[in-house]
Amino acid sequence: MRRVAIEPRRNWQKEVEKWGLLFHTEESGVYWDESAYYEFTEEEVDAIETATGELHRMCIEAAKFVIRENRWDDLKIPVKARAAIVKSLERLEPTLYGRFDLCFDGDGPPKMLEYNADTPTSLLEAAVIQWKWLEARFPEEDQFNSLWEGLVDAWKAMLKRRQIRGTIVHFAHGDTLEDGMTITMLRDTAQEAGLTTEGLLMEEIGWNAGDRCFLDLEDRRMWTIFKLYPWEWLMADEFADVLLQSIEETQWIEPIWKMLLSNKAILAILWELFPDSPYLLPAYLDGPREMTSFVRKPILSREGANVEIHAEGVTVDRDGPYGAEGYVYQGLATIPSFDGKHPIVGSWVIAGDPRGIGIRESASMITDNTSQFVPHKFR
């Protein structure tokens, strides 16, 4: 694994905008950064793929363990959501995607930092934008990236198994440019699989109290809803009760059982179950215990908010609105430094299978929403 500096393409902004990346530049600077790329060996890619598959398997076991051993309180799962989660997992309601964040330097095994199992970001960049970059710059080389094909195959499989209810898949999201463009890409994959789609904002979803169902802007019943919106936010919403009352008549993607895995407390459950795994870091809910170098993460935080790194008597942190829900204490991984940048490998799972990676890097040890996305290839 190495980081290689390279001259960006002329008019790269127009090139990435052509494929939907309209948020390539932020106030803090460029977000899509093709002034460098990461190069892996085939053996390193195999190591990431193997680790990702094993981590997903362990996460499913951990979710079942939480239910079986009644560990809901450790994950701060609302009481009202628990019965729906149990039924959802028993039925193995279909999951489309998730992203593991891994620490990897090419030498030792990848280490899991967390699992973005419900509303992972950077999918457009990983699936499309870096692939188009590879075709333009290194057309004879390869990339660990079959994300688009995996998404299309996943929709086709749901259709074949009759896991898509109704004739339209509704895609609902928050009011941000990134969410909107990600939804556009996901709708394209569903349409390629033969599905009819409709997009709308979460706030535009209506409710028919008489028929006890959700409605779109044309007053059509919404049978299957892909939501780019966290389950914990939905459970705090005023419509949480009616959502739960109608949940068996509505197919939600991601399913509600993903609440168990998009929660950072699952890191401690995983360590409890699989302490000998080469892919896990020690993690606890009751404090750092014997660890002197560790990361304190709020159970429900996003984009590095309220994360604290404790190492050698020094604390590095990020402000944010999280923490009241409690913390998980995870052993500190040594994130490698390449030219002063610290990369995190985002390894994607599509319908349960490893399908590709995307890399975000930061000058800080904490990856947040000011980090840069950098393309990759392997040799």
Foldseek 3Di string as FASTA:
>chain_A
DAKAFDDDDVVVQVVLVVLQPPPQADPLGGFADARIAAAAAPVLVVLVQVLLLVVLVLLLVLLVVCLVVVVCLLLPDDPLCVVQLVVCVVVVQFAFKKKFWWFDDRPAHTATPAIQRAQDFPPSVWAPVLVVVCCVPPVPFFALYPSLVLNLVSLLVCVVVVSDPDQEEEEEEAPDSRGVSVSVSSCVSNVVNPGHYHYDYPVQWDADPVVLAIAHPVRDGAAEYEYNDDPVVCCVDPCNVSCSVCVVRHRYHVRPNCSSRNWRSSLQSSCVVCVPDSHYWHKDQPDPVPAQWKKKDFRNDAFQAQIWTGDPNDIDHHHDDGDPSGIMITHDDDFDAHPLKGKIWIFMAGRSGTRHIWIWIDSDPRGGPVTHTYHYTYD
